[in-house]
PDB file of N, CA and C in Angstrom:
ATOM      1  N   MET A   1     -84.132 -14.389 -77.660  1.00  0.00           N
ATOM      2  CA  MET A   1     -83.781 -15.656 -77.085  1.00  0.00           C
ATOM      3  C   MET A   1     -84.703 -16.733 -77.643  1.00  0.00           C
ATOM      4  N   THR A   2     -84.134 -17.856 -77.989  1.00  0.00           N
ATOM      5  CA  THR A   2     -84.977 -18.935 -78.482  1.00  0.00           C
ATOM      6  C   THR A   2     -85.216 -19.929 -77.359  1.00  0.00           C
ATOM      7  N   GLN A   3     -86.399 -20.451 -77.345  1.00  0.00           N
ATOM      8  CA  GLN A   3     -86.738 -21.454 -76.334  1.00  0.00           C
ATOM      9  C   GLN A   3     -86.661 -22.827 -76.972  1.00  0.00           C
ATOM     10  N   HIS A   4     -86.078 -23.724 -76.212  1.00  0.00           N
ATOM     11  CA  HIS A   4     -85.977 -25.096 -76.684  1.00  0.00           C
ATOM     12  C   HIS A   4     -87.173 -25.853 -76.139  1.00  0.00           C
ATOM     13  N   THR A   5     -88.040 -26.260 -77.013  1.00  0.00           N
ATOM     14  CA  THR A   5     -89.223 -26.996 -76.578  1.00  0.00           C
ATOM     15  C   THR A   5     -89.024 -28.460 -76.921  1.00  0.00           C
ATOM     16  N   ALA A   6     -88.747 -29.234 -75.906  1.00  0.00           N
ATOM     17  CA  ALA A   6     -88.556 -30.660 -76.099  1.00  0.00           C
ATOM     18  C   ALA A   6     -89.897 -31.353 -75.935  1.00  0.00           C
ATOM     19  N   THR A   7     -90.142 -32.292 -76.794  1.00  0.00           N
ATOM     20  CA  THR A   7     -91.366 -33.073 -76.639  1.00  0.00           C
ATOM     21  C   THR A   7     -91.063 -34.203 -75.668  1.00  0.00           C
ATOM     22  N   ARG A   8     -91.767 -34.199 -74.562  1.00  0.00           N
ATOM     23  CA  ARG A   8     -91.544 -35.210 -73.532  1.00  0.00           C
ATOM     24  C   ARG A   8     -92.652 -36.242 -73.598  1.00  0.00           C
ATOM     25  N   LYS A   9     -92.246 -37.477 -73.410  1.00  0.00           N
ATOM     26  CA  LYS A   9     -93.226 -38.558 -73.395  1.00  0.00           C
ATOM     27  C   LYS A   9     -93.950 -38.541 -72.050  1.00  0.00           C
ATOM     28  N   PRO A  10     -95.151 -39.054 -72.010  1.00  0.00           N
ATOM     29  CA  PRO A  10     -95.863 -39.139 -70.728  1.00  0.00           C
ATOM     30  C   PRO A  10     -95.094 -39.995 -69.733  1.00  0.00           C
ATOM     31  N   ILE A  11     -95.313 -39.714 -68.454  1.00  0.00           N
ATOM     32  CA  ILE A  11     -94.563 -40.397 -67.392  1.00  0.00           C
ATOM     33  C   ILE A  11     -94.751 -41.911 -67.446  1.00  0.00           C
ATOM     34  N   GLY A  12     -95.931 -42.351 -67.820  1.00  0.00           N
ATOM     35  CA  GLY A  12     -96.190 -43.789 -67.892  1.00  0.00           C
ATOM     36  C   GLY A  12     -95.312 -44.478 -68.917  1.00  0.00           C
ATOM     37  N   LEU A  13     -95.169 -43.853 -70.084  1.00  0.00           N
ATOM     38  CA  LEU A  13     -94.323 -44.443 -71.128  1.00  0.00           C
ATOM     39  C   LEU A  13     -92.856 -44.425 -70.732  1.00  0.00           C
ATOM     40  N   ARG A  14     -92.440 -43.372 -70.043  1.00  0.00           N
ATOM     41  CA  ARG A  14     -91.044 -43.309 -69.590  1.00  0.00           C
ATOM     42  C   ARG A  14     -90.758 -44.384 -68.542  1.00  0.00           C
ATOM     43  N   LEU A  15     -91.715 -44.635 -67.653  1.00  0.00           N
ATOM     44  CA  LEU A  15     -91.519 -45.679 -66.638  1.00  0.00           C
ATOM     45  C   LEU A  15     -91.443 -47.060 -67.275  1.00  0.00           C
ATOM     46  N   ILE A  16     -92.321 -47.301 -68.245  1.00  0.00           N
ATOM     47  CA  ILE A  16     -92.293 -48.594 -68.936  1.00  0.00           C
ATOM     48  C   ILE A  16     -90.948 -48.782 -69.632  1.00  0.00           C
ATOM     49  N   ARG A  17     -90.465 -47.760 -70.295  1.00  0.00           N
ATOM     50  CA  ARG A  17     -89.179 -47.829 -70.984  1.00  0.00           C
ATOM     51  C   ARG A  17     -88.037 -48.047 -69.993  1.00  0.00           C
ATOM     52  N   TYR A  18     -88.115 -47.355 -68.835  1.00  0.00           N
ATOM     53  CA  TYR A  18     -87.091 -47.475 -67.801  1.00  0.00           C
ATOM     54  C   TYR A  18     -86.991 -48.916 -67.303  1.00  0.00           C
ATOM     55  N   PHE A  19     -88.133 -49.502 -66.960  1.00  0.00           N
ATOM     56  CA  PHE A  19     -88.111 -50.872 -66.443  1.00  0.00           C
ATOM     57  C   PHE A  19     -87.764 -51.877 -67.535  1.00  0.00           C
ATOM     58  N   ALA A  20     -88.152 -51.625 -68.757  1.00  0.00           N
ATOM     59  CA  ALA A  20     -87.767 -52.493 -69.875  1.00  0.00           C
ATOM     60  C   ALA A  20     -86.244 -52.465 -70.050  1.00  0.00           C
ATOM     61  N   ASP A  21     -85.642 -51.292 -69.907  1.00  0.00           N
ATOM     62  CA  ASP A  21     -84.180 -51.182 -70.001  1.00  0.00           C
ATOM     63  C   ASP A  21     -83.496 -51.932 -68.865  1.00  0.00           C
ATOM     64  N   ILE A  22     -84.073 -51.868 -67.670  1.00  0.00           N
ATOM     65  CA  ILE A  22     -83.510 -52.598 -66.527  1.00  0.00           C
ATOM     66  C   ILE A  22     -83.519 -54.096 -66.801  1.00  0.00           C
ATOM     67  N   ILE A  23     -84.636 -54.610 -67.281  1.00  0.00           N
ATOM     68  CA  ILE A  23     -84.744 -56.043 -67.576  1.00  0.00           C
ATOM     69  C   ILE A  23     -83.748 -56.438 -68.654  1.00  0.00           C
ATOM     70  N   THR A  24     -83.591 -55.606 -69.660  1.00  0.00           N
ATOM     71  CA  THR A  24     -82.631 -55.882 -70.732  1.00  0.00           C
ATOM     72  C   THR A  24     -81.211 -55.970 -70.179  1.00  0.00           C
ATOM     73  N   GLU A  25     -80.842 -55.046 -69.312  1.00  0.00           N
ATOM     74  CA  GLU A  25     -79.495 -55.058 -68.737  1.00  0.00           C
ATOM     75  C   GLU A  25     -79.287 -56.250 -67.809  1.00  0.00           C
ATOM     76  N   LEU A  26     -80.316 -56.620 -67.042  1.00  0.00           N
ATOM     77  CA  LEU A  26     -80.187 -57.762 -66.135  1.00  0.00           C
ATOM     78  C   LEU A  26     -80.020 -59.077 -66.896  1.00  0.00           C
ATOM     79  N   LYS A  27     -80.524 -59.146 -68.097  1.00  0.00           N
ATOM     80  CA  LYS A  27     -80.342 -60.354 -68.913  1.00  0.00           C
ATOM     81  C   LYS A  27     -78.894 -60.499 -69.377  1.00  0.00           C
ATOM     82  N   LYS A  28     -78.140 -59.412 -69.384  1.00  0.00           N
ATOM     83  CA  LYS A  28     -76.739 -59.444 -69.799  1.00  0.00           C
ATOM     84  C   LYS A  28     -75.798 -59.842 -68.672  1.00  0.00           C
ATOM     85  N   VAL A  29     -76.292 -59.836 -67.444  1.00  0.00           N
ATOM     86  CA  VAL A  29     -75.452 -60.111 -66.275  1.00  0.00           C
ATOM     87  C   VAL A  29     -75.095 -61.591 -66.232  1.00  0.00           C
ATOM     88  N   VAL A  30     -73.851 -61.877 -65.911  1.00  0.00           N
ATOM     89  CA  VAL A  30     -73.417 -63.254 -65.708  1.00  0.00           C
ATOM     90  C   VAL A  30     -73.538 -63.533 -64.211  1.00  0.00           C
ATOM     91  N   TRP A  31     -74.535 -64.329 -63.849  1.00  0.00           N
ATOM     92  CA  TRP A  31     -74.813 -64.591 -62.450  1.00  0.00           C
ATOM     93  C   TRP A  31     -73.926 -65.726 -61.944  1.00  0.00           C
ATOM     94  N   LEU A  32     -73.553 -65.655 -60.666  1.00  0.00           N
ATOM     95  CA  LEU A  32     -72.759 -66.710 -60.043  1.00  0.00           C
ATOM     96  C   LEU A  32     -73.626 -67.936 -59.786  1.00  0.00           C
ATOM     97  N   SER A  33     -72.975 -69.086 -59.753  1.00  0.00           N
ATOM     98  CA  SER A  33     -73.707 -70.298 -59.404  1.00  0.00           C
ATOM     99  C   SER A  33     -73.910 -70.330 -57.888  1.00  0.00           C
ATOM    100  N   ARG A  34     -74.816 -71.180 -57.439  1.00  0.00           N
ATOM    101  CA  ARG A  34     -75.077 -71.309 -55.999  1.00  0.00           C
ATOM    102  C   ARG A  34     -73.800 -71.708 -55.264  1.00  0.00           C
ATOM    103  N   ARG A  35     -73.031 -72.614 -55.851  1.00  0.00           N
ATOM    104  CA  ARG A  35     -71.790 -73.071 -55.216  1.00  0.00           C
ATOM    105  C   ARG A  35     -70.800 -71.918 -55.052  1.00  0.00           C
ATOM    106  N   GLU A  36     -70.665 -71.081 -56.081  1.00  0.00           N
ATOM    107  CA  GLU A  36     -69.759 -69.930 -56.012  1.00  0.00           C
ATOM    108  C   GLU A  36     -70.209 -68.928 -54.954  1.00  0.00           C
ATOM    109  N   VAL A  37     -71.513 -68.705 -54.863  1.00  0.00           N
ATOM    110  CA  VAL A  37     -72.042 -67.766 -53.869  1.00  0.00           C
ATOM    111  C   VAL A  37     -71.751 -68.269 -52.458  1.00  0.00           C
ATOM    112  N   ILE A  38     -71.975 -69.556 -52.227  1.00  0.00           N
ATOM    113  CA  ILE A  38     -71.726 -70.128 -50.897  1.00  0.00           C
ATOM    114  C   ILE A  38     -70.237 -70.048 -50.567  1.00  0.00           C
ATOM    115  N   TYR A  39     -69.379 -70.394 -51.514  1.00  0.00           N
ATOM    116  CA  TYR A  39     -67.930 -70.353 -51.291  1.00  0.00           C
ATOM    117  C   TYR A  39     -67.456 -68.935 -50.984  1.00  0.00           C
ATOM    118  N   LEU A  40     -67.885 -67.986 -51.781  1.00  0.00           N
ATOM    119  CA  LEU A  40     -67.429 -66.607 -51.581  1.00  0.00           C
ATOM    120  C   LEU A  40     -67.993 -66.002 -50.299  1.00  0.00           C
ATOM    121  N   THR A  41     -69.214 -66.360 -49.936  1.00  0.00           N
ATOM    122  CA  THR A  41     -69.786 -65.884 -48.677  1.00  0.00           C
ATOM    123  C   THR A  41     -69.002 -66.429 -47.499  1.00  0.00           C
ATOM    124  N   ALA A  42     -68.687 -67.725 -47.549  1.00  0.00           N
ATOM    125  CA  ALA A  42     -67.897 -68.332 -46.476  1.00  0.00           C
ATOM    126  C   ALA A  42     -66.513 -67.687 -46.396  1.00  0.00           C
ATOM    127  N   LEU A  43     -65.921 -67.400 -47.541  1.00  0.00           N
ATOM    128  CA  LEU A  43     -64.603 -66.768 -47.569  1.00  0.00           C
ATOM    129  C   LEU A  43     -64.646 -65.379 -46.939  1.00  0.00           C
ATOM    130  N   VAL A  44     -65.672 -64.605 -47.258  1.00  0.00           N
ATOM    131  CA  VAL A  44     -65.812 -63.265 -46.679  1.00  0.00           C
ATOM    132  C   VAL A  44     -65.991 -63.362 -45.165  1.00  0.00           C
ATOM    133  N   LEU A  45     -66.828 -64.288 -44.716  1.00  0.00           N
ATOM    134  CA  LEU A  45     -67.036 -64.449 -43.267  1.00  0.00           C
ATOM    135  C   LEU A  45     -65.749 -64.878 -42.564  1.00  0.00           C
ATOM    136  N   LEU A  46     -64.984 -65.765 -43.198  1.00  0.00           N
ATOM    137  CA  LEU A  46     -63.718 -66.215 -42.616  1.00  0.00           C
ATOM    138  C   LEU A  46     -62.724 -65.063 -42.508  1.00  0.00           C
ATOM    139  N   VAL A  47     -62.563 -64.311 -43.578  1.00  0.00           N
ATOM    140  CA  VAL A  47     -61.626 -63.184 -43.564  1.00  0.00           C
ATOM    141  C   VAL A  47     -62.065 -62.126 -42.558  1.00  0.00           C
ATOM    142  N   ALA A  48     -63.366 -61.860 -42.483  1.00  0.00           N
ATOM    143  CA  ALA A  48     -63.873 -60.881 -41.514  1.00  0.00           C
ATOM    144  C   ALA A  48     -63.627 -61.365 -40.082  1.00  0.00           C
ATOM    145  N   GLY A  49     -63.810 -62.657 -39.845  1.00  0.00           N
ATOM    146  CA  GLY A  49     -63.552 -63.214 -38.514  1.00  0.00           C
ATOM    147  C   GLY A  49     -62.079 -63.121 -38.137  1.00  0.00           C
ATOM    148  N   ILE A  50     -61.203 -63.438 -39.074  1.00  0.00           N
ATOM    149  CA  ILE A  50     -59.761 -63.360 -38.808  1.00  0.00           C
ATOM    150  C   ILE A  50     -59.352 -61.905 -38.561  1.00  0.00           C
ATOM    151  N   ALA A  51     -59.847 -60.991 -39.394  1.00  0.00           N
ATOM    152  CA  ALA A  51     -59.517 -59.574 -39.210  1.00  0.00           C
ATOM    153  C   ALA A  51     -60.033 -59.081 -37.857  1.00  0.00           C
ATOM    154  N   GLY A  52     -61.229 -59.496 -37.477  1.00  0.00           N
ATOM    155  CA  GLY A  52     -61.781 -59.113 -36.182  1.00  0.00           C
ATOM    156  C   GLY A  52     -60.949 -59.649 -35.030  1.00  0.00           C
ATOM    157  N   ALA A  53     -60.496 -60.901 -35.143  1.00  0.00           N
ATOM    158  CA  ALA A  53     -59.672 -61.498 -34.084  1.00  0.00           C
ATOM    159  C   ALA A  53     -58.326 -60.777 -33.972  1.00  0.00           C
ATOM    160  N   VAL A  54     -57.712 -60.467 -35.107  1.00  0.00           N
ATOM    161  CA  VAL A  54     -56.423 -59.768 -35.088  1.00  0.00           C
ATOM    162  C   VAL A  54     -56.583 -58.374 -34.477  1.00  0.00           C
ATOM    163  N   LEU A  55     -57.602 -57.651 -34.919  1.00  0.00           N
ATOM    164  CA  LEU A  55     -57.818 -56.311 -34.369  1.00  0.00           C
ATOM    165  C   LEU A  55     -58.182 -56.359 -32.889  1.00  0.00           C
ATOM    166  N   GLY A  56     -58.960 -57.363 -32.494  1.00  0.00           N
ATOM    167  CA  GLY A  56     -59.297 -57.535 -31.076  1.00  0.00           C
ATOM    168  C   GLY A  56     -58.061 -57.821 -30.239  1.00  0.00           C
ATOM    169  N   ALA A  57     -57.171 -58.667 -30.753  1.00  0.00           N
ATOM    170  CA  ALA A  57     -55.939 -58.985 -30.039  1.00  0.00           C
ATOM    171  C   ALA A  57     -55.044 -57.751 -29.925  1.00  0.00           C
ATOM    172  N   LEU A  58     -54.941 -56.983 -31.000  1.00  0.00           N
ATOM    173  CA  LEU A  58     -54.149 -55.751 -30.949  1.00  0.00           C
ATOM    174  C   LEU A  58     -54.738 -54.766 -29.940  1.00  0.00           C
ATOM    175  N   ASP A  59     -56.044 -54.640 -29.935  1.00  0.00           N
ATOM    176  CA  ASP A  59     -56.705 -53.744 -28.995  1.00  0.00           C
ATOM    177  C   ASP A  59     -56.456 -54.189 -27.557  1.00  0.00           C
ATOM    178  N   TYR A  60     -56.585 -55.475 -27.320  1.00  0.00           N
ATOM    179  CA  TYR A  60     -56.333 -56.004 -25.973  1.00  0.00           C
ATOM    180  C   TYR A  60     -54.888 -55.762 -25.555  1.00  0.00           C
ATOM    181  N   GLY A  61     -53.960 -56.006 -26.486  1.00  0.00           N
ATOM    182  CA  GLY A  61     -52.544 -55.813 -26.174  1.00  0.00           C
ATOM    183  C   GLY A  61     -52.203 -54.363 -25.889  1.00  0.00           C
ATOM    184  N   PHE A  62     -52.706 -53.449 -26.703  1.00  0.00           N
ATOM    185  CA  PHE A  62     -52.439 -52.033 -26.467  1.00  0.00           C
ATOM    186  C   PHE A  62     -53.098 -51.541 -25.182  1.00  0.00           C
ATOM    187  N   THR A  63     -54.276 -52.056 -24.873  1.00  0.00           N
ATOM    188  CA  THR A  63     -54.950 -51.682 -23.628  1.00  0.00           C
ATOM    189  C   THR A  63     -54.129 -52.138 -22.423  1.00  0.00           C
ATOM    190  N   ALA A  64     -53.629 -53.369 -22.486  1.00  0.00           N
ATOM    191  CA  ALA A  64     -52.804 -53.884 -21.390  1.00  0.00           C
ATOM    192  C   ALA A  64     -51.513 -53.080 -21.272  1.00  0.00           C
ATOM    193  N   LEU A  65     -50.907 -52.722 -22.398  1.00  0.00           N
ATOM    194  CA  LEU A  65     -49.676 -51.951 -22.382  1.00  0.00           C
ATOM    195  C   LEU A  65     -49.903 -50.566 -21.765  1.00  0.00           C
ATOM    196  N   ILE A  66     -50.953 -49.916 -22.153  1.00  0.00           N
ATOM    197  CA  ILE A  66     -51.266 -48.595 -21.597  1.00  0.00           C
ATOM    198  C   ILE A  66     -51.565 -48.695 -20.112  1.00  0.00           C
ATOM    199  N   ASP A  67     -52.302 -49.736 -19.719  1.00  0.00           N
ATOM    200  CA  ASP A  67     -52.594 -49.920 -18.288  1.00  0.00           C
ATOM    201  C   ASP A  67     -51.308 -50.049 -17.486  1.00  0.00           C
ATOM    202  N   LYS A  68     -50.333 -50.801 -17.981  1.00  0.00           N
ATOM    203  CA  LYS A  68     -49.085 -51.012 -17.248  1.00  0.00           C
ATOM    204  C   LYS A  68     -48.195 -49.762 -17.261  1.00  0.00           C
ATOM    205  N   LEU A  69     -48.090 -49.100 -18.420  1.00  0.00           N
ATOM    206  CA  LEU A  69     -47.186 -47.959 -18.521  1.00  0.00           C
ATOM    207  C   LEU A  69     -47.731 -46.701 -17.874  1.00  0.00           C
ATOM    208  N   ILE A  70     -48.971 -46.412 -18.102  1.00  0.00           N
ATOM    209  CA  ILE A  70     -49.519 -45.127 -17.649  1.00  0.00           C
ATOM    210  C   ILE A  70     -50.224 -45.263 -16.301  1.00  0.00           C
ATOM    211  N   LEU A  71     -51.034 -46.285 -16.185  1.00  0.00           N
ATOM    212  CA  LEU A  71     -51.842 -46.416 -14.963  1.00  0.00           C
ATOM    213  C   LEU A  71     -51.121 -47.218 -13.879  1.00  0.00           C
ATOM    214  N   GLY A  72     -50.097 -47.962 -14.236  1.00  0.00           N
ATOM    215  CA  GLY A  72     -49.295 -48.705 -13.272  1.00  0.00           C
ATOM    216  C   GLY A  72     -50.039 -49.861 -12.626  1.00  0.00           C
ATOM    217  N   ARG A  73     -50.980 -50.449 -13.309  1.00  0.00           N
ATOM    218  CA  ARG A  73     -51.744 -51.571 -12.734  1.00  0.00           C
ATOM    219  C   ARG A  73     -51.009 -52.854 -12.839  1.00  0.00           C
TER     220      ARG A  73
END
C-alpha cells in the first residue's frame, strides 16, 4: 500500500490565505445602495404585516366558526 503524504502548510498561513480569499470575494459583491436597502426592508415589513393580518383574520374566523358549530356558543 502506498501512503499519500501531502505537504500541508502551517495553520497560520492557511488562515491568512482563507481571510485573503474572503476579502477578495467580498470585493466582487455588488452592494445595494442605502436607498435600495431602506425600500426593500420597508417592503418586507409591509408584506409580513399584511400576511400576518390575513392569517390572523383567518385564524379568528375559523375559531369563531368552530365555536359556533362544535361548542354551540
